[in-house]
C-alpha atoms as a PDB file:
ATOM      1  CA  MET A   1       0.000   0.000   0.000  1.00  0.00           C
ATOM      2  CA  CYS A   2       1.409   3.388  -0.931  1.00  0.00           C
ATOM      3  CA  PHE A   3       0.061   6.851  -0.285  1.00  0.00           C
ATOM      4  CA  THR A   4       1.225   9.737  -2.389  1.00  0.00           C
ATOM      5  CA  ARG A   5       0.738  13.447  -2.061  1.00  0.00           C
ATOM      6  CA  ALA A   6      -1.354  15.145  -4.725  1.00  0.00           C
ATOM      7  CA  ALA A   7       0.355  17.738  -6.905  1.00  0.00           C
ATOM      8  CA  HIS A   8      -0.075  21.301  -5.684  1.00  0.00           C
ATOM      9  CA  HIS A   9      -0.461  24.547  -7.567  1.00  0.00           C
ATOM     10  CA  ALA A  10      -0.614  27.254  -4.910  1.00  0.00           C
ATOM     11  CA  PRO A  11       1.093  27.823  -1.533  1.00  0.00           C
ATOM     12  CA  MET A  12      -2.131  27.324   0.467  1.00  0.00           C
ATOM     13  CA  VAL A  13      -2.878  24.081  -1.334  1.00  0.00           C
ATOM     14  CA  SER A  14       0.642  22.797  -0.661  1.00  0.00           C
ATOM     15  CA  GLY A  15       0.211  23.241   3.086  1.00  0.00           C
ATOM     16  CA  VAL A  16      -2.992  21.226   2.944  1.00  0.00           C
ATOM     17  CA  SER A  17      -1.525  18.506   0.718  1.00  0.00           C
ATOM     18  CA  ILE A  18       1.651  18.249   2.799  1.00  0.00           C
ATOM     19  CA  SER A  19      -0.419  17.857   5.979  1.00  0.00           C
ATOM     20  CA  ALA A  20      -2.748  15.374   4.276  1.00  0.00           C
ATOM     21  CA  SER A  21       0.185  13.215   3.200  1.00  0.00           C
ATOM     22  CA  GLY A  22       1.496  13.306   6.781  1.00  0.00           C
ATOM     23  CA  LEU A  23      -1.933  12.271   8.107  1.00  0.00           C
ATOM     24  CA  GLN A  24      -2.048   9.352   5.662  1.00  0.00           C
ATOM     25  CA  ALA A  25       1.479   8.249   6.596  1.00  0.00           C
ATOM     26  CA  ALA A  26       0.729   8.464  10.336  1.00  0.00           C
ATOM     27  CA  SER A  27      -2.457   6.453   9.851  1.00  0.00           C
ATOM     28  CA  LEU A  28      -0.553   3.790   7.915  1.00  0.00           C
ATOM     29  CA  ARG A  29       2.144   3.652  10.639  1.00  0.00           C
ATOM     30  CA  PHE A  30      -0.550   3.211  13.288  1.00  0.00           C
ATOM     31  CA  SER A  31      -2.207   0.406  11.301  1.00  0.00           C
ATOM     32  CA  ALA A  32       1.111  -1.408  10.800  1.00  0.00           C
ATOM     33  CA  ALA A  33       1.966  -1.227  14.509  1.00  0.00           C
ATOM     34  CA  ALA A  34      -1.540  -2.366  15.464  1.00  0.00           C
ATOM     35  CA  SER A  35      -1.274  -5.335  13.092  1.00  0.00           C
ATOM     36  CA  ASN A  36       2.061  -6.323  14.606  1.00  0.00           C
ATOM     37  CA  ILE A  37       0.701  -6.045  18.157  1.00  0.00           C
ATOM     38  CA  VAL A  38      -2.422  -8.077  17.404  1.00  0.00           C
ATOM     39  CA  ASN A  39      -0.349 -10.827  15.778  1.00  0.00           C
ATOM     40  CA  ILE A  40       2.531 -10.904  18.261  1.00  0.00           C
ATOM     41  CA  ASN A  41       1.634 -14.455  19.364  1.00  0.00           C
ATOM     42  CA  THR A  42       0.846 -15.841  15.907  1.00  0.00           C
ATOM     43  CA  ASP A  43       3.416 -18.607  15.816  1.00  0.00           C
ATOM     44  CA  GLY A  44       3.612 -20.996  12.922  1.00  0.00           C
ATOM     45  CA  ALA A  45       5.611 -23.636  11.165  1.00  0.00           C
ATOM     46  CA  VAL A  46       9.192 -22.723  10.375  1.00  0.00           C
ATOM     47  CA  PRO A  47       9.104 -21.297   6.822  1.00  0.00           C
ATOM     48  CA  SER A  48      11.288 -22.708   4.081  1.00  0.00           C
ATOM     49  CA  THR A  49      12.865 -19.261   3.714  1.00  0.00           C
ATOM     50  CA  ALA A  50      15.546 -17.864   5.990  1.00  0.00           C
ATOM     51  CA  PRO A  51      14.521 -15.239   8.601  1.00  0.00           C
ATOM     52  CA  SER A  52      16.325 -12.635   6.480  1.00  0.00           C
ATOM     53  CA  GLN A  53      13.735 -13.200   3.715  1.00  0.00           C
ATOM     54  CA  PRO A  54      10.050 -12.162   3.787  1.00  0.00           C
ATOM     55  CA  VAL A  55       7.598 -14.934   4.667  1.00  0.00           C
ATOM     56  CA  ASP A  56       5.480 -16.158   1.765  1.00  0.00           C
ATOM     57  CA  PRO A  57       1.976 -14.763   2.491  1.00  0.00           C
ATOM     58  CA  SER A  58       0.294 -17.731   0.774  1.00  0.00           C
ATOM     59  CA  SER A  59       1.826 -20.183   3.243  1.00  0.00           C
ATOM     60  CA  SER A  60       0.080 -20.948   6.498  1.00  0.00           C
ATOM     61  CA  SER A  61       3.211 -20.094   8.392  1.00  0.00           C
ATOM     62  CA  VAL A  62       4.189 -17.484  10.943  1.00  0.00           C
ATOM     63  CA  TYR A  63       2.862 -13.893  10.822  1.00  0.00           C
ATOM     64  CA  GLN A  64       5.100 -11.574   8.787  1.00  0.00           C
ATOM     65  CA  PRO A  65       5.634  -8.347  10.776  1.00  0.00           C
ATOM     66  CA  VAL A  66       5.535  -5.100   8.829  1.00  0.00           C
ATOM     67  CA  THR A  67       7.076  -1.678   9.024  1.00  0.00           C
ATOM     68  CA  VAL A  68       6.347   1.562   7.195  1.00  0.00           C
ATOM     69  CA  ALA A  69       8.909   3.223   4.952  1.00  0.00           C
ATOM     70  CA  GLN A  70       8.464   6.969   4.493  1.00  0.00           C
ATOM     71  CA  THR A  71      10.099   9.070   1.797  1.00  0.00           C
ATOM     72  CA  ALA A  72      10.033  12.841   1.414  1.00  0.00           C
ATOM     73  CA  THR A  73       8.599  14.042  -1.872  1.00  0.00           C
ATOM     74  CA  SER A  74       9.813  16.982  -3.907  1.00  0.00           C
ATOM     75  CA  GLY A  75       7.844  20.099  -3.049  1.00  0.00           C
ATOM     76  CA  GLY A  76       6.957  18.810   0.402  1.00  0.00           C
ATOM     77  CA  GLY A  77       4.986  15.967   1.831  1.00  0.00           C
ATOM     78  CA  VAL A  78       5.735  12.307   2.212  1.00  0.00           C
ATOM     79  CA  THR A  79       4.928   8.958   0.657  1.00  0.00           C
ATOM     80  CA  ALA A  80       4.549   5.914   2.875  1.00  0.00           C
ATOM     81  CA  SER A  81       4.429   2.226   2.069  1.00  0.00           C
ATOM     82  CA  VAL A  82       4.182  -0.987   4.061  1.00  0.00           C
ATOM     83  CA  GLN A  83       7.271  -3.195   3.900  1.00  0.00           C
ATOM     84  CA  PRO A  84       8.033  -6.585   5.453  1.00  0.00           C
ATOM     85  CA  SER A  85      10.046  -6.238   8.646  1.00  0.00           C
ATOM     86  CA  LEU A  86      13.220  -8.313   8.669  1.00  0.00           C
ATOM     87  CA  PRO A  87      14.287 -10.599  10.160  1.00  0.00           C
ATOM     88  CA  ALA A  88      10.803 -11.963   9.629  1.00  0.00           C
ATOM     89  CA  TYR A  89      10.766 -14.495  12.438  1.00  0.00           C
ATOM     90  CA  LEU A  90      12.662 -15.990  15.339  1.00  0.00           C
ATOM     91  CA  LEU A  91      12.927 -19.658  16.266  1.00  0.00           C
ATOM     92  CA  ALA A  92      11.476 -20.897  19.543  1.00  0.00           C
ATOM     93  CA  TYR A  93      11.447 -24.320  21.120  1.00  0.00           C
ATOM     94  CA  SER A  94       7.872 -25.558  21.417  1.00  0.00           C
ATOM     95  CA  PRO A  95       7.737 -29.321  20.775  1.00  0.00           C
ATOM     96  CA  GLN A  96       4.063 -29.552  21.856  1.00  0.00           C
ATOM     97  CA  ALA A  97       2.917 -27.282  18.996  1.00  0.00           C
ATOM     98  CA  PRO A  98       1.216 -29.232  16.209  1.00  0.00           C
ATOM     99  CA  TYR A  99       3.318 -27.402  13.603  1.00  0.00           C
ATOM    100  CA  ALA A 100       6.694 -27.895  15.338  1.00  0.00           C
ATOM    101  CA  ASN A 101       9.437 -29.296  13.144  1.00  0.00           C
ATOM    102  CA  MET A 102      11.446 -32.455  13.915  1.00  0.00           C
ATOM    103  CA  GLN A 103      13.673 -30.485  16.317  1.00  0.00           C
ATOM    104  CA  GLY A 104      10.626 -29.088  18.174  1.00  0.00           C
ATOM    105  CA  MET A 105      11.131 -25.598  16.766  1.00  0.00           C
ATOM    106  CA  VAL A 106       8.426 -23.151  15.678  1.00  0.00           C
ATOM    107  CA  ALA A 107       8.657 -19.727  14.104  1.00  0.00           C
ATOM    108  CA  THR A 108       7.528 -16.718  16.151  1.00  0.00           C
ATOM    109  CA  PRO A 109       6.992 -13.240  14.687  1.00  0.00           C
ATOM    110  CA  ASN A 110       9.929 -10.900  15.214  1.00  0.00           C
ATOM    111  CA  VAL A 111       7.782  -8.348  17.043  1.00  0.00           C
ATOM    112  CA  ASP A 112       8.916  -6.417  20.115  1.00  0.00           C
ATOM    113  CA  MET A 113       5.976  -5.028  22.111  1.00  0.00           C
ATOM    114  CA  ALA A 114       7.933  -2.055  23.490  1.00  0.00           C
ATOM    115  CA  THR A 115       9.054  -1.013  20.008  1.00  0.00           C
ATOM    116  CA  GLU A 116       5.516  -1.329  18.650  1.00  0.00           C
ATOM    117  CA  LEU A 117       4.100   0.785  21.492  1.00  0.00           C
ATOM    118  CA  VAL A 118       6.682   3.465  20.676  1.00  0.00           C
ATOM    119  CA  HIS A 119       5.569   3.296  17.020  1.00  0.00           C
ATOM    120  CA  VAL A 120       1.940   3.785  18.119  1.00  0.00           C
ATOM    121  CA  ARG A 121       2.906   6.851  20.189  1.00  0.00           C
ATOM    122  CA  GLU A 122       4.987   8.274  17.335  1.00  0.00           C
ATOM    123  CA  ALA A 123       2.136   7.766  14.871  1.00  0.00           C
ATOM    124  CA  ALA A 124      -0.330   9.443  17.250  1.00  0.00           C
ATOM    125  CA  SER A 125       1.995  12.426  17.773  1.00  0.00           C
ATOM    126  CA  SER A 126       2.633  12.725  14.046  1.00  0.00           C
ATOM    127  CA  PHE A 127      -1.101  12.555  13.338  1.00  0.00           C
ATOM    128  CA  ARG A 128      -1.825  15.326  15.874  1.00  0.00           C
ATOM    129  CA  ALA A 129       0.960  17.539  14.491  1.00  0.00           C
ATOM    130  CA  ASN A 130      -0.209  17.106  10.902  1.00  0.00           C
ATOM    131  CA  LEU A 131      -3.822  17.717  11.888  1.00  0.00           C
ATOM    132  CA  LEU A 132      -2.813  20.969  13.603  1.00  0.00           C
ATOM    133  CA  ALA A 133      -0.805  22.022  10.530  1.00  0.00           C
ATOM    134  CA  LEU A 134      -3.826  21.234   8.343  1.00  0.00           C
ATOM    135  CA  LYS A 135      -6.089  23.377  10.541  1.00  0.00           C
ATOM    136  CA  VAL A 136      -3.622  26.283  10.480  1.00  0.00           C
ATOM    137  CA  SER A 137      -3.259  26.018   6.704  1.00  0.00           C
ATOM    138  CA  SER A 138      -7.033  26.002   6.310  1.00  0.00           C
ATOM    139  CA  ARG A 139      -7.413  29.053   8.562  1.00  0.00           C
ATOM    140  CA  MET A 140      -4.723  30.878   6.586  1.00  0.00           C
ATOM    141  CA  ALA A 141      -6.573  30.151   3.347  1.00  0.00           C
ATOM    142  CA  ASP A 142      -9.853  31.365   4.881  1.00  0.00           C
ATOM    143  CA  THR A 143      -8.177  34.572   6.089  1.00  0.00           C
ATOM    144  CA  LEU A 144      -6.645  35.160   2.675  1.00  0.00           C
ATOM    145  CA  LEU A 145     -10.012  34.660   0.972  1.00  0.00           C
ATOM    146  CA  ASP A 146     -11.722  37.009   3.439  1.00  0.00           C
ATOM    147  CA  THR A 147      -9.038  39.644   2.776  1.00  0.00           C
ATOM    148  CA  VAL A 148      -9.189  39.333  -1.014  1.00  0.00           C
ATOM    149  CA  ALA A 149     -12.979  39.025  -1.326  1.00  0.00           C
END
């Protein structure tokens, strides 16, 4: 999933579009962290791929954690996209699990609760800051229109 900022033609529009792209990126970061938190205990069979490779989503294996990559765009704003988080999984000894391999190992998602909670807080702060910037930009446009009209 990728969000991109719309092209802008005037300074007031750019403030709105920059803030809107920040809101979209913050929302995507929140969703990614929430997905990781919800699936923190979603163990599975050890995938055929190494932990340094993304887990095949069509397999019924371990949950593949995600992260959000953000890139600044020319003219302001940001694009954000969901990427697999690597290493994708860790090995844990759980011989009683029905999907344990011959050595009794299962794959567990490489998700750290503390890190994910920090990501949630960062996304919330970013969302609030971009919302405030959007409100200020909107008020500036209204003031300009009132002055000109």
